[in-house]
């Protein structure tokens, strides 16, 4: 079973993602801020990290940079889940070191497939 760490400070967004992914074979972890997210990632070594780029303590770019410097996590895909406008979101996410981007509000019909695509090469 794949483990997904969601770093998201908005409770409604957290719950929506949990509800959408619940029927799928994933173990979901959650952190409400960047510092907790980095600690949980080091401790749990997830297979995928979903990150809101606007966190209350550390900005998403800083969290992604920190995570990519940790040897056990350097190859873990990090996906920005962001409210940035779609036309700039993908470019910004890549520049910040993310492996992909999903824009908010998430499309609940497409979201499970978007997540599964990050595991397609395993």
PDB file of N, CA and C in Angstrom:
ATOM      1  N   UNK A   1       0.843  -1.179   0.000  1.00  0.00           N
ATOM      2  CA  UNK A   1       0.000   0.000   0.000  1.00  0.00           C
ATOM      3  C   UNK A   1       0.889   1.244   0.000  1.00  0.00           C
ATOM      4  N   UNK A   2       0.592   2.166  -0.900  1.00  0.00           N
ATOM      5  CA  UNK A   2       1.363   3.403  -1.012  1.00  0.00           C
ATOM      6  C   UNK A   2       0.949   4.393   0.079  1.00  0.00           C
ATOM      7  N   UNK A   3       1.939   5.109   0.592  1.00  0.00           N
ATOM      8  CA  UNK A   3       1.691   6.126   1.617  1.00  0.00           C
ATOM      9  C   UNK A   3       1.792   7.506   0.984  1.00  0.00           C
ATOM     10  N   UNK A   4       0.777   8.323   1.251  1.00  0.00           N
ATOM     11  CA  UNK A   4       0.738   9.691   0.746  1.00  0.00           C
ATOM     12  C   UNK A   4       0.719  10.636   1.934  1.00  0.00           C
ATOM     13  N   UNK A   5       1.657  11.579   1.945  1.00  0.00           N
ATOM     14  CA  UNK A   5       1.684  12.624   2.959  1.00  0.00           C
ATOM     15  C   UNK A   5       1.078  13.878   2.365  1.00  0.00           C
ATOM     16  N   UNK A   6       0.064  14.394   3.023  1.00  0.00           N
ATOM     17  CA  UNK A   6      -0.580  15.633   2.606  1.00  0.00           C
ATOM     18  C   UNK A   6      -0.161  16.736   3.579  1.00  0.00           C
ATOM     19  N   UNK A   7       0.503  17.759   3.071  1.00  0.00           N
ATOM     20  CA  UNK A   7       0.888  18.908   3.887  1.00  0.00           C
ATOM     21  C   UNK A   7      -0.063  20.036   3.497  1.00  0.00           C
ATOM     22  N   UNK A   8      -1.060  20.265   4.337  1.00  0.00           N
ATOM     23  CA  UNK A   8      -2.165  21.170   4.017  1.00  0.00           C
ATOM     24  C   UNK A   8      -2.705  21.781   5.293  1.00  0.00           C
ATOM     25  N   UNK A   9      -2.791  23.114   5.326  1.00  0.00           N
ATOM     26  CA  UNK A   9      -3.277  23.773   6.539  1.00  0.00           C
ATOM     27  C   UNK A   9      -4.783  24.028   6.536  1.00  0.00           C
ATOM     28  N   UNK A  10      -5.431  23.895   5.387  1.00  0.00           N
ATOM     29  CA  UNK A  10      -6.860  24.148   5.291  1.00  0.00           C
ATOM     30  C   UNK A  10      -7.625  22.858   5.556  1.00  0.00           C
ATOM     31  N   UNK A  11      -8.414  22.841   6.626  1.00  0.00           N
ATOM     32  CA  UNK A  11      -9.118  21.623   7.039  1.00  0.00           C
ATOM     33  C   UNK A  11     -10.076  21.127   5.965  1.00  0.00           C
ATOM     34  N   UNK A  12     -10.792  22.020   5.312  1.00  0.00           N
ATOM     35  CA  UNK A  12     -11.737  21.609   4.273  1.00  0.00           C
ATOM     36  C   UNK A  12     -11.011  20.914   3.120  1.00  0.00           C
ATOM     37  N   UNK A  13      -9.866  21.452   2.701  1.00  0.00           N
ATOM     38  CA  UNK A  13      -9.084  20.823   1.626  1.00  0.00           C
ATOM     39  C   UNK A  13      -8.550  19.468   2.068  1.00  0.00           C
ATOM     40  N   UNK A  14      -8.083  19.376   3.303  1.00  0.00           N
ATOM     41  CA  UNK A  14      -7.584  18.110   3.851  1.00  0.00           C
ATOM     42  C   UNK A  14      -8.668  17.051   3.803  1.00  0.00           C
ATOM     43  N   UNK A  15      -9.853  17.395   4.302  1.00  0.00           N
ATOM     44  CA  UNK A  15     -10.955  16.441   4.366  1.00  0.00           C
ATOM     45  C   UNK A  15     -11.432  16.033   2.972  1.00  0.00           C
ATOM     46  N   UNK A  16     -11.462  16.972   2.037  1.00  0.00           N
ATOM     47  CA  UNK A  16     -11.884  16.652   0.676  1.00  0.00           C
ATOM     48  C   UNK A  16     -10.939  15.632   0.052  1.00  0.00           C
ATOM     49  N   UNK A  17      -9.649  15.860   0.170  1.00  0.00           N
ATOM     50  CA  UNK A  17      -8.675  14.923  -0.401  1.00  0.00           C
ATOM     51  C   UNK A  17      -8.800  13.556   0.264  1.00  0.00           C
ATOM     52  N   UNK A  18      -8.974  13.534   1.567  1.00  0.00           N
ATOM     53  CA  UNK A  18      -9.155  12.258   2.273  1.00  0.00           C
ATOM     54  C   UNK A  18     -10.388  11.522   1.750  1.00  0.00           C
ATOM     55  N   UNK A  19     -11.500  12.250   1.596  1.00  0.00           N
ATOM     56  CA  UNK A  19     -12.739  11.631   1.126  1.00  0.00           C
ATOM     57  C   UNK A  19     -12.598  11.081  -0.283  1.00  0.00           C
ATOM     58  N   UNK A  20     -11.941  11.845  -1.152  1.00  0.00           N
ATOM     59  CA  UNK A  20     -11.789  11.427  -2.545  1.00  0.00           C
ATOM     60  C   UNK A  20     -10.869  10.206  -2.661  1.00  0.00           C
ATOM     61  N   UNK A  21      -9.832  10.142  -1.829  1.00  0.00           N
ATOM     62  CA  UNK A  21      -8.867   9.033  -1.914  1.00  0.00           C
ATOM     63  C   UNK A  21      -9.231   7.839  -1.037  1.00  0.00           C
ATOM     64  N   UNK A  22     -10.200   7.997  -0.153  1.00  0.00           N
ATOM     65  CA  UNK A  22     -10.574   6.939   0.798  1.00  0.00           C
ATOM     66  C   UNK A  22     -10.848   5.581   0.140  1.00  0.00           C
ATOM     67  N   UNK A  23     -11.568   5.527  -0.998  1.00  0.00           N
ATOM     68  CA  UNK A  23     -11.839   4.215  -1.594  1.00  0.00           C
ATOM     69  C   UNK A  23     -10.629   3.580  -2.281  1.00  0.00           C
ATOM     70  N   UNK A  24      -9.532   4.286  -2.352  1.00  0.00           N
ATOM     71  CA  UNK A  24      -8.349   3.798  -3.049  1.00  0.00           C
ATOM     72  C   UNK A  24      -7.340   3.236  -2.045  1.00  0.00           C
ATOM     73  N   UNK A  25      -6.445   2.366  -2.516  1.00  0.00           N
ATOM     74  CA  UNK A  25      -5.523   1.672  -1.591  1.00  0.00           C
ATOM     75  C   UNK A  25      -4.319   2.516  -1.171  1.00  0.00           C
ATOM     76  N   UNK A  26      -4.589   3.624  -0.487  1.00  0.00           N
ATOM     77  CA  UNK A  26      -3.518   4.484  -0.015  1.00  0.00           C
ATOM     78  C   UNK A  26      -3.605   4.646   1.496  1.00  0.00           C
ATOM     79  N   UNK A  27      -2.436   4.765   2.098  1.00  0.00           N
ATOM     80  CA  UNK A  27      -2.355   5.130   3.517  1.00  0.00           C
ATOM     81  C   UNK A  27      -2.074   6.620   3.539  1.00  0.00           C
ATOM     82  N   UNK A  28      -2.995   7.387   4.134  1.00  0.00           N
ATOM     83  CA  UNK A  28      -2.868   8.845   4.121  1.00  0.00           C
ATOM     84  C   UNK A  28      -2.338   9.380   5.444  1.00  0.00           C
ATOM     85  N   UNK A  29      -1.356  10.258   5.343  1.00  0.00           N
ATOM     86  CA  UNK A  29      -0.807  10.962   6.496  1.00  0.00           C
ATOM     87  C   UNK A  29      -1.088  12.447   6.287  1.00  0.00           C
ATOM     88  N   UNK A  30      -1.128  13.202   7.379  1.00  0.00           N
ATOM     89  CA  UNK A  30      -1.403  14.630   7.248  1.00  0.00           C
ATOM     90  C   UNK A  30      -0.522  15.450   8.185  1.00  0.00           C
ATOM     91  N   UNK A  31      -0.101  16.602   7.672  1.00  0.00           N
ATOM     92  CA  UNK A  31       0.598  17.606   8.476  1.00  0.00           C
ATOM     93  C   UNK A  31      -0.048  18.946   8.152  1.00  0.00           C
ATOM     94  N   UNK A  32      -0.301  19.753   9.171  1.00  0.00           N
ATOM     95  CA  UNK A  32      -0.982  21.040   8.996  1.00  0.00           C
ATOM     96  C   UNK A  32      -0.021  22.198   8.753  1.00  0.00           C
ATOM     97  N   UNK A  33       1.289  21.933   8.806  1.00  0.00           N
ATOM     98  CA  UNK A  33       2.262  22.995   8.537  1.00  0.00           C
ATOM     99  C   UNK A  33       3.541  22.372   7.983  1.00  0.00           C
ATOM    100  N   UNK A  34       4.398  23.223   7.461  1.00  0.00           N
ATOM    101  CA  UNK A  34       5.609  22.749   6.802  1.00  0.00           C
ATOM    102  C   UNK A  34       6.582  22.035   7.713  1.00  0.00           C
ATOM    103  N   UNK A  35       6.790  22.571   8.900  1.00  0.00           N
ATOM    104  CA  UNK A  35       7.738  21.958   9.830  1.00  0.00           C
ATOM    105  C   UNK A  35       7.302  20.546  10.213  1.00  0.00           C
ATOM    106  N   UNK A  36       6.024  20.400  10.533  1.00  0.00           N
ATOM    107  CA  UNK A  36       5.494  19.077  10.869  1.00  0.00           C
ATOM    108  C   UNK A  36       5.577  18.156   9.654  1.00  0.00           C
ATOM    109  N   UNK A  37       5.320  18.708   8.479  1.00  0.00           N
ATOM    110  CA  UNK A  37       5.395  17.917   7.250  1.00  0.00           C
ATOM    111  C   UNK A  37       6.778  17.359   6.999  1.00  0.00           C
ATOM    112  N   UNK A  38       7.797  18.180   7.192  1.00  0.00           N
ATOM    113  CA  UNK A  38       9.172  17.714   7.002  1.00  0.00           C
ATOM    114  C   UNK A  38       9.487  16.609   8.014  1.00  0.00           C
ATOM    115  N   UNK A  39       9.126  16.817   9.272  1.00  0.00           N
ATOM    116  CA  UNK A  39       9.383  15.800  10.312  1.00  0.00           C
ATOM    117  C   UNK A  39       8.674  14.492  10.002  1.00  0.00           C
ATOM    118  N   UNK A  40       7.403  14.591   9.601  1.00  0.00           N
ATOM    119  CA  UNK A  40       6.624  13.387   9.291  1.00  0.00           C
ATOM    120  C   UNK A  40       7.184  12.668   8.071  1.00  0.00           C
ATOM    121  N   UNK A  41       7.642  13.429   7.082  1.00  0.00           N
ATOM    122  CA  UNK A  41       8.230  12.823   5.891  1.00  0.00           C
ATOM    123  C   UNK A  41       9.507  12.053   6.248  1.00  0.00           C
ATOM    124  N   UNK A  42      10.339  12.634   7.100  1.00  0.00           N
ATOM    125  CA  UNK A  42      11.578  11.964   7.521  1.00  0.00           C
ATOM    126  C   UNK A  42      11.246  10.686   8.286  1.00  0.00           C
ATOM    127  N   UNK A  43      10.259  10.760   9.152  1.00  0.00           N
ATOM    128  CA  UNK A  43       9.876   9.635  10.003  1.00  0.00           C
ATOM    129  C   UNK A  43       9.170   8.523   9.219  1.00  0.00           C
ATOM    130  N   UNK A  44       8.260   8.877   8.328  1.00  0.00           N
ATOM    131  CA  UNK A  44       7.398   7.891   7.663  1.00  0.00           C
ATOM    132  C   UNK A  44       7.843   7.500   6.246  1.00  0.00           C
ATOM    133  N   UNK A  45       8.688   8.311   5.619  1.00  0.00           N
ATOM    134  CA  UNK A  45       9.170   8.058   4.253  1.00  0.00           C
ATOM    135  C   UNK A  45       8.017   7.722   3.293  1.00  0.00           C
ATOM    136  N   UNK A  46       7.142   8.697   3.025  1.00  0.00           N
ATOM    137  CA  UNK A  46       5.995   8.439   2.153  1.00  0.00           C
ATOM    138  C   UNK A  46       6.420   8.188   0.711  1.00  0.00           C
ATOM    139  N   UNK A  47       5.491   7.642  -0.073  1.00  0.00           N
ATOM    140  CA  UNK A  47       5.739   7.367  -1.487  1.00  0.00           C
ATOM    141  C   UNK A  47       5.393   8.568  -2.364  1.00  0.00           C
ATOM    142  N   UNK A  48       4.598   9.499  -1.816  1.00  0.00           N
ATOM    143  CA  UNK A  48       4.182  10.696  -2.535  1.00  0.00           C
ATOM    144  C   UNK A  48       3.874  11.777  -1.511  1.00  0.00           C
ATOM    145  N   UNK A  49       4.219  13.021  -1.841  1.00  0.00           N
ATOM    146  CA  UNK A  49       3.911  14.144  -0.957  1.00  0.00           C
ATOM    147  C   UNK A  49       3.074  15.146  -1.737  1.00  0.00           C
ATOM    148  N   UNK A  50       1.910  15.487  -1.186  1.00  0.00           N
ATOM    149  CA  UNK A  50       1.046  16.533  -1.732  1.00  0.00           C
ATOM    150  C   UNK A  50       1.241  17.749  -0.846  1.00  0.00           C
ATOM    151  N   UNK A  51       1.582  18.887  -1.432  1.00  0.00           N
ATOM    152  CA  UNK A  51       1.876  20.057  -0.618  1.00  0.00           C
ATOM    153  C   UNK A  51       1.134  21.297  -1.100  1.00  0.00           C
ATOM    154  N   UNK A  52       0.480  21.943  -0.150  1.00  0.00           N
ATOM    155  CA  UNK A  52      -0.100  23.262  -0.376  1.00  0.00           C
ATOM    156  C   UNK A  52       1.077  24.230  -0.342  1.00  0.00           C
ATOM    157  N   UNK A  53       1.158  25.113  -1.300  1.00  0.00           N
ATOM    158  CA  UNK A  53       2.316  26.010  -1.362  1.00  0.00           C
ATOM    159  C   UNK A  53       2.195  27.199  -0.411  1.00  0.00           C
ATOM    160  N   UNK A  54       1.000  27.452   0.113  1.00  0.00           N
ATOM    161  CA  UNK A  54       0.812  28.557   1.052  1.00  0.00           C
ATOM    162  C   UNK A  54       0.580  28.052   2.454  1.00  0.00           C
ATOM    163  N   UNK A  55       1.639  27.712   3.151  1.00  0.00           N
ATOM    164  CA  UNK A  55       1.553  27.161   4.501  1.00  0.00           C
ATOM    165  C   UNK A  55       1.766  28.260   5.540  1.00  0.00           C
ATOM    166  N   UNK A  56       1.280  28.049   6.767  1.00  0.00           N
ATOM    167  CA  UNK A  56       1.356  29.113   7.771  1.00  0.00           C
ATOM    168  C   UNK A  56       2.751  29.389   8.333  1.00  0.00           C
ATOM    169  N   UNK A  57       3.648  28.419   8.292  1.00  0.00           N
ATOM    170  CA  UNK A  57       4.962  28.623   8.919  1.00  0.00           C
ATOM    171  C   UNK A  57       6.069  28.788   7.889  1.00  0.00           C
ATOM    172  N   UNK A  58       6.272  27.790   7.068  1.00  0.00           N
ATOM    173  CA  UNK A  58       7.296  27.829   6.018  1.00  0.00           C
ATOM    174  C   UNK A  58       6.561  27.859   4.680  1.00  0.00           C
ATOM    175  N   UNK A  59       7.066  28.626   3.724  1.00  0.00           N
ATOM    176  CA  UNK A  59       6.396  28.595   2.423  1.00  0.00           C
ATOM    177  C   UNK A  59       6.699  27.264   1.736  1.00  0.00           C
ATOM    178  N   UNK A  60       5.849  26.907   0.796  1.00  0.00           N
ATOM    179  CA  UNK A  60       5.975  25.624   0.115  1.00  0.00           C
ATOM    180  C   UNK A  60       7.314  25.430  -0.562  1.00  0.00           C
ATOM    181  N   UNK A  61       7.847  26.493  -1.145  1.00  0.00           N
ATOM    182  CA  UNK A  61       9.135  26.382  -1.823  1.00  0.00           C
ATOM    183  C   UNK A  61      10.223  25.963  -0.842  1.00  0.00           C
ATOM    184  N   UNK A  62      10.207  26.519   0.357  1.00  0.00           N
ATOM    185  CA  UNK A  62      11.195  26.161   1.375  1.00  0.00           C
ATOM    186  C   UNK A  62      11.038  24.707   1.781  1.00  0.00           C
ATOM    187  N   UNK A  63       9.815  24.261   1.992  1.00  0.00           N
ATOM    188  CA  UNK A  63       9.558  22.873   2.386  1.00  0.00           C
ATOM    189  C   UNK A  63      10.041  21.918   1.298  1.00  0.00           C
ATOM    190  N   UNK A  64       9.728  22.215   0.038  1.00  0.00           N
ATOM    191  CA  UNK A  64      10.161  21.354  -1.069  1.00  0.00           C
ATOM    192  C   UNK A  64      11.686  21.290  -1.117  1.00  0.00           C
ATOM    193  N   UNK A  65      12.348  22.434  -0.971  1.00  0.00           N
ATOM    194  CA  UNK A  65      13.811  22.480  -0.985  1.00  0.00           C
ATOM    195  C   UNK A  65      14.385  21.622   0.139  1.00  0.00           C
ATOM    196  N   UNK A  66      13.830  21.747   1.339  1.00  0.00           N
ATOM    197  CA  UNK A  66      14.293  20.939   2.473  1.00  0.00           C
ATOM    198  C   UNK A  66      14.109  19.454   2.200  1.00  0.00           C
ATOM    199  N   UNK A  67      12.928  19.069   1.711  1.00  0.00           N
ATOM    200  CA  UNK A  67      12.638  17.658   1.469  1.00  0.00           C
ATOM    201  C   UNK A  67      13.562  17.059   0.409  1.00  0.00           C
ATOM    202  N   UNK A  68      13.852  17.822  -0.630  1.00  0.00           N
ATOM    203  CA  UNK A  68      14.698  17.316  -1.723  1.00  0.00           C
ATOM    204  C   UNK A  68      16.158  17.156  -1.298  1.00  0.00           C
ATOM    205  N   UNK A  69      16.540  17.752  -0.171  1.00  0.00           N
ATOM    206  CA  UNK A  69      17.912  17.631   0.322  1.00  0.00           C
ATOM    207  C   UNK A  69      18.102  16.438   1.251  1.00  0.00           C
ATOM    208  N   UNK A  70      17.021  15.755   1.592  1.00  0.00           N
ATOM    209  CA  UNK A  70      17.096  14.611   2.511  1.00  0.00           C
ATOM    210  C   UNK A  70      17.307  13.350   1.671  1.00  0.00           C
ATOM    211  N   UNK A  71      18.441  12.644   1.869  1.00  0.00           N
ATOM    212  CA  UNK A  71      18.759  11.497   1.009  1.00  0.00           C
ATOM    213  C   UNK A  71      17.629  10.466   0.863  1.00  0.00           C
ATOM    214  N   UNK A  72      16.939  10.126   1.936  1.00  0.00           N
ATOM    215  CA  UNK A  72      15.868   9.124   1.851  1.00  0.00           C
ATOM    216  C   UNK A  72      14.634   9.630   1.116  1.00  0.00           C
ATOM    217  N   UNK A  73      14.544  10.937   0.885  1.00  0.00           N
ATOM    218  CA  UNK A  73      13.346  11.524   0.283  1.00  0.00           C
ATOM    219  C   UNK A  73      13.596  12.168  -1.079  1.00  0.00           C
ATOM    220  N   UNK A  74      14.848  12.201  -1.506  1.00  0.00           N
ATOM    221  CA  UNK A  74      15.185  12.957  -2.715  1.00  0.00           C
ATOM    222  C   UNK A  74      14.444  12.476  -3.959  1.00  0.00           C
ATOM    223  N   UNK A  75      14.030  11.207  -3.990  1.00  0.00           N
ATOM    224  CA  UNK A  75      13.324  10.673  -5.155  1.00  0.00           C
ATOM    225  C   UNK A  75      11.815  10.541  -4.962  1.00  0.00           C
ATOM    226  N   UNK A  76      11.311  11.011  -3.828  1.00  0.00           N
ATOM    227  CA  UNK A  76       9.876  10.966  -3.576  1.00  0.00           C
ATOM    228  C   UNK A  76       9.214  12.093  -4.363  1.00  0.00           C
ATOM    229  N   UNK A  77       8.220  11.773  -5.205  1.00  0.00           N
ATOM    230  CA  UNK A  77       7.547  12.838  -5.951  1.00  0.00           C
ATOM    231  C   UNK A  77       6.827  13.805  -5.005  1.00  0.00           C
ATOM    232  N   UNK A  78       6.983  15.092  -5.280  1.00  0.00           N
ATOM    233  CA  UNK A  78       6.297  16.131  -4.511  1.00  0.00           C
ATOM    234  C   UNK A  78       5.397  16.883  -5.487  1.00  0.00           C
ATOM    235  N   UNK A  79       4.115  16.922  -5.156  1.00  0.00           N
ATOM    236  CA  UNK A  79       3.127  17.542  -6.026  1.00  0.00           C
ATOM    237  C   UNK A  79       2.520  18.751  -5.329  1.00  0.00           C
ATOM    238  N   UNK A  80       2.616  19.906  -5.976  1.00  0.00           N
ATOM    239  CA  UNK A  80       1.972  21.108  -5.454  1.00  0.00           C
ATOM    240  C   UNK A  80       0.474  20.998  -5.693  1.00  0.00           C
ATOM    241  N   UNK A  81      -0.299  21.205  -4.644  1.00  0.00           N
ATOM    242  CA  UNK A  81      -1.747  21.287  -4.763  1.00  0.00           C
ATOM    243  C   UNK A  81      -2.060  22.731  -4.408  1.00  0.00           C
ATOM    244  N   UNK A  82      -2.343  23.531  -5.424  1.00  0.00           N
ATOM    245  CA  UNK A  82      -2.327  24.974  -5.235  1.00  0.00           C
ATOM    246  C   UNK A  82      -3.494  25.691  -5.896  1.00  0.00           C
ATOM    247  N   UNK A  83      -3.815  26.830  -5.353  1.00  0.00           N
ATOM    248  CA  UNK A  83      -4.860  27.684  -5.923  1.00  0.00           C
ATOM    249  C   UNK A  83      -4.279  28.688  -6.920  1.00  0.00           C
ATOM    250  N   UNK A  84      -2.990  28.565  -7.237  1.00  0.00           N
ATOM    251  CA  UNK A  84      -2.416  29.429  -8.264  1.00  0.00           C
ATOM    252  C   UNK A  84      -3.225  29.259  -9.541  1.00  0.00           C
ATOM    253  N   UNK A  85      -3.321  30.294 -10.370  1.00  0.00           N
ATOM    254  CA  UNK A  85      -4.017  30.148 -11.654  1.00  0.00           C
ATOM    255  C   UNK A  85      -3.372  29.042 -12.491  1.00  0.00           C
ATOM    256  N   UNK A  86      -4.201  28.252 -13.141  1.00  0.00           N
ATOM    257  CA  UNK A  86      -3.713  27.087 -13.890  1.00  0.00           C
ATOM    258  C   UNK A  86      -2.626  27.436 -14.894  1.00  0.00           C
ATOM    259  N   UNK A  87      -2.725  28.609 -15.516  1.00  0.00           N
ATOM    260  CA  UNK A  87      -1.755  28.966 -16.553  1.00  0.00           C
ATOM    261  C   UNK A  87      -0.346  29.196 -16.014  1.00  0.00           C
ATOM    262  N   UNK A  88      -0.203  29.464 -14.711  1.00  0.00           N
ATOM    263  CA  UNK A  88       1.128  29.657 -14.135  1.00  0.00           C
ATOM    264  C   UNK A  88       1.510  28.551 -13.154  1.00  0.00           C
ATOM    265  N   UNK A  89       0.538  27.767 -12.721  1.00  0.00           N
ATOM    266  CA  UNK A  89       0.769  26.796 -11.647  1.00  0.00           C
ATOM    267  C   UNK A  89       1.843  25.768 -11.985  1.00  0.00           C
ATOM    268  N   UNK A  90       1.755  25.164 -13.147  1.00  0.00           N
ATOM    269  CA  UNK A  90       2.711  24.111 -13.526  1.00  0.00           C
ATOM    270  C   UNK A  90       4.135  24.662 -13.582  1.00  0.00           C
ATOM    271  N   UNK A  91       4.303  25.816 -14.198  1.00  0.00           N
ATOM    272  CA  UNK A  91       5.620  26.432 -14.315  1.00  0.00           C
ATOM    273  C   UNK A  91       6.186  26.791 -12.941  1.00  0.00           C
ATOM    274  N   UNK A  92       5.358  27.398 -12.098  1.00  0.00           N
ATOM    275  CA  UNK A  92       5.803  27.775 -10.750  1.00  0.00           C
ATOM    276  C   UNK A  92       6.188  26.531  -9.945  1.00  0.00           C
ATOM    277  N   UNK A  93       5.364  25.498 -10.014  1.00  0.00           N
ATOM    278  CA  UNK A  93       5.635  24.273  -9.255  1.00  0.00           C
ATOM    279  C   UNK A  93       6.974  23.669  -9.679  1.00  0.00           C
ATOM    280  N   UNK A  94       7.230  23.611 -10.958  1.00  0.00           N
ATOM    281  CA  UNK A  94       8.506  23.047 -11.444  1.00  0.00           C
ATOM    282  C   UNK A  94       9.689  23.906 -10.989  1.00  0.00           C
ATOM    283  N   UNK A  95       9.522  25.226 -11.075  1.00  0.00           N
ATOM    284  CA  UNK A  95      10.605  26.113 -10.636  1.00  0.00           C
ATOM    285  C   UNK A  95      10.883  25.956  -9.146  1.00  0.00           C
ATOM    286  N   UNK A  96       9.864  25.620  -8.388  1.00  0.00           N
ATOM    287  CA  UNK A  96      10.023  25.430  -6.941  1.00  0.00           C
ATOM    288  C   UNK A  96      10.538  24.032  -6.600  1.00  0.00           C
ATOM    289  N   UNK A  97      10.718  23.170  -7.611  1.00  0.00           N
ATOM    290  CA  UNK A  97      11.273  21.840  -7.371  1.00  0.00           C
ATOM    291  C   UNK A  97      10.254  20.734  -7.263  1.00  0.00           C
ATOM    292  N   UNK A  98       8.993  21.036  -7.528  1.00  0.00           N
ATOM    293  CA  UNK A  98       7.950  20.011  -7.458  1.00  0.00           C
ATOM    294  C   UNK A  98       7.996  19.128  -8.705  1.00  0.00           C
ATOM    295  N   UNK A  99       7.452  17.931  -8.570  1.00  0.00           N
ATOM    296  CA  UNK A  99       7.422  16.978  -9.681  1.00  0.00           C
ATOM    297  C   UNK A  99       6.113  17.049 -10.456  1.00  0.00           C
ATOM    298  N   UNK A 100       5.185  17.847  -9.969  1.00  0.00           N
ATOM    299  CA  UNK A 100       3.904  18.000 -10.638  1.00  0.00           C
ATOM    300  C   UNK A 100       3.063  19.027  -9.916  1.00  0.00           C
ATOM    301  N   UNK A 101       1.876  19.267 -10.477  1.00  0.00           N
ATOM    302  CA  UNK A 101       0.997  20.280  -9.911  1.00  0.00           C
ATOM    303  C   UNK A 101      -0.456  19.899 -10.166  1.00  0.00           C
ATOM    304  N   UNK A 102      -1.281  20.074  -9.157  1.00  0.00           N
ATOM    305  CA  UNK A 102      -2.722  19.887  -9.272  1.00  0.00           C
ATOM    306  C   UNK A 102      -3.350  21.178  -8.745  1.00  0.00           C
ATOM    307  N   UNK A 103      -4.214  21.781  -9.544  1.00  0.00           N
ATOM    308  CA  UNK A 103      -4.796  23.054  -9.141  1.00  0.00           C
ATOM    309  C   UNK A 103      -6.067  22.854  -8.315  1.00  0.00           C
ATOM    310  N   UNK A 104      -6.265  23.808  -7.406  1.00  0.00           N
ATOM    311  CA  UNK A 104      -7.478  23.849  -6.593  1.00  0.00           C
ATOM    312  C   UNK A 104      -8.451  24.800  -7.271  1.00  0.00           C
ATOM    313  N   UNK A 105      -9.728  24.576  -7.152  1.00  0.00           N
ATOM    314  CA  UNK A 105     -10.310  23.426  -6.471  1.00  0.00           C
ATOM    315  C   UNK A 105     -10.051  22.150  -7.273  1.00  0.00           C
ATOM    316  N   UNK A 106      -9.751  21.080  -6.560  1.00  0.00           N
ATOM    317  CA  UNK A 106      -9.462  19.823  -7.253  1.00  0.00           C
ATOM    318  C   UNK A 106     -10.725  19.316  -7.928  1.00  0.00           C
ATOM    319  N   UNK A 107     -10.531  18.646  -9.052  1.00  0.00           N
ATOM    320  CA  UNK A 107     -11.629  17.992  -9.759  1.00  0.00           C
ATOM    321  C   UNK A 107     -11.735  16.593  -9.170  1.00  0.00           C
ATOM    322  N   UNK A 108     -12.772  16.354  -8.385  1.00  0.00           N
ATOM    323  CA  UNK A 108     -12.859  15.088  -7.651  1.00  0.00           C
ATOM    324  C   UNK A 108     -12.987  13.874  -8.570  1.00  0.00           C
ATOM    325  N   UNK A 109     -13.411  14.085  -9.807  1.00  0.00           N
ATOM    326  CA  UNK A 109     -13.495  12.962 -10.760  1.00  0.00           C
ATOM    327  C   UNK A 109     -12.116  12.616 -11.298  1.00  0.00           C
ATOM    328  N   UNK A 110     -11.267  13.621 -11.496  1.00  0.00           N
ATOM    329  CA  UNK A 110      -9.943  13.391 -12.078  1.00  0.00           C
ATOM    330  C   UNK A 110      -8.853  13.133 -11.043  1.00  0.00           C
ATOM    331  N   UNK A 111      -9.059  13.588  -9.826  1.00  0.00           N
ATOM    332  CA  UNK A 111      -8.014  13.552  -8.804  1.00  0.00           C
ATOM    333  C   UNK A 111      -7.432  12.154  -8.561  1.00  0.00           C
ATOM    334  N   UNK A 112      -8.253  11.102  -8.383  1.00  0.00           N
ATOM    335  CA  UNK A 112      -7.655   9.775  -8.151  1.00  0.00           C
ATOM    336  C   UNK A 112      -6.727   9.332  -9.288  1.00  0.00           C
ATOM    337  N   UNK A 113      -7.101   9.631 -10.528  1.00  0.00           N
ATOM    338  CA  UNK A 113      -6.256   9.288 -11.664  1.00  0.00           C
ATOM    339  C   UNK A 113      -4.967  10.106 -11.698  1.00  0.00           C
ATOM    340  N   UNK A 114      -5.082  11.376 -11.308  1.00  0.00           N
ATOM    341  CA  UNK A 114      -3.896  12.227 -11.241  1.00  0.00           C
ATOM    342  C   UNK A 114      -2.909  11.663 -10.225  1.00  0.00           C
ATOM    343  N   UNK A 115      -3.420  11.210  -9.089  1.00  0.00           N
ATOM    344  CA  UNK A 115      -2.563  10.640  -8.042  1.00  0.00           C
ATOM    345  C   UNK A 115      -1.970   9.315  -8.522  1.00  0.00           C
ATOM    346  N   UNK A 116      -2.792   8.468  -9.095  1.00  0.00           N
ATOM    347  CA  UNK A 116      -2.326   7.155  -9.580  1.00  0.00           C
ATOM    348  C   UNK A 116      -1.217   7.306 -10.615  1.00  0.00           C
ATOM    349  N   UNK A 117      -1.265   8.370 -11.408  1.00  0.00           N
ATOM    350  CA  UNK A 117      -0.251   8.578 -12.442  1.00  0.00           C
ATOM    351  C   UNK A 117       1.151   8.724 -11.857  1.00  0.00           C
ATOM    352  N   UNK A 118       1.247   9.230 -10.635  1.00  0.00           N
ATOM    353  CA  UNK A 118       2.566   9.369 -10.007  1.00  0.00           C
ATOM    354  C   UNK A 118       3.135   8.036  -9.551  1.00  0.00           C
ATOM    355  N   UNK A 119       2.293   6.996  -9.504  1.00  0.00           N
ATOM    356  CA  UNK A 119       2.756   5.664  -9.122  1.00  0.00           C
ATOM    357  C   UNK A 119       2.874   4.739 -10.332  1.00  0.00           C
ATOM    358  N   UNK A 120       2.592   5.241 -11.525  1.00  0.00           N
ATOM    359  CA  UNK A 120       2.544   4.414 -12.728  1.00  0.00           C
ATOM    360  C   UNK A 120       3.861   3.736 -13.047  1.00  0.00           C
ATOM    361  N   UNK A 121       4.974   4.329 -12.657  1.00  0.00           N
ATOM    362  CA  UNK A 121       6.287   3.760 -12.990  1.00  0.00           C
ATOM    363  C   UNK A 121       6.810   2.785 -11.949  1.00  0.00           C
ATOM    364  N   UNK A 122       6.058   2.585 -10.875  1.00  0.00           N
ATOM    365  CA  UNK A 122       6.519   1.679  -9.811  1.00  0.00           C
ATOM    366  C   UNK A 122       6.285   0.235 -10.163  1.00  0.00           C
TER     367      UNK A 122
END
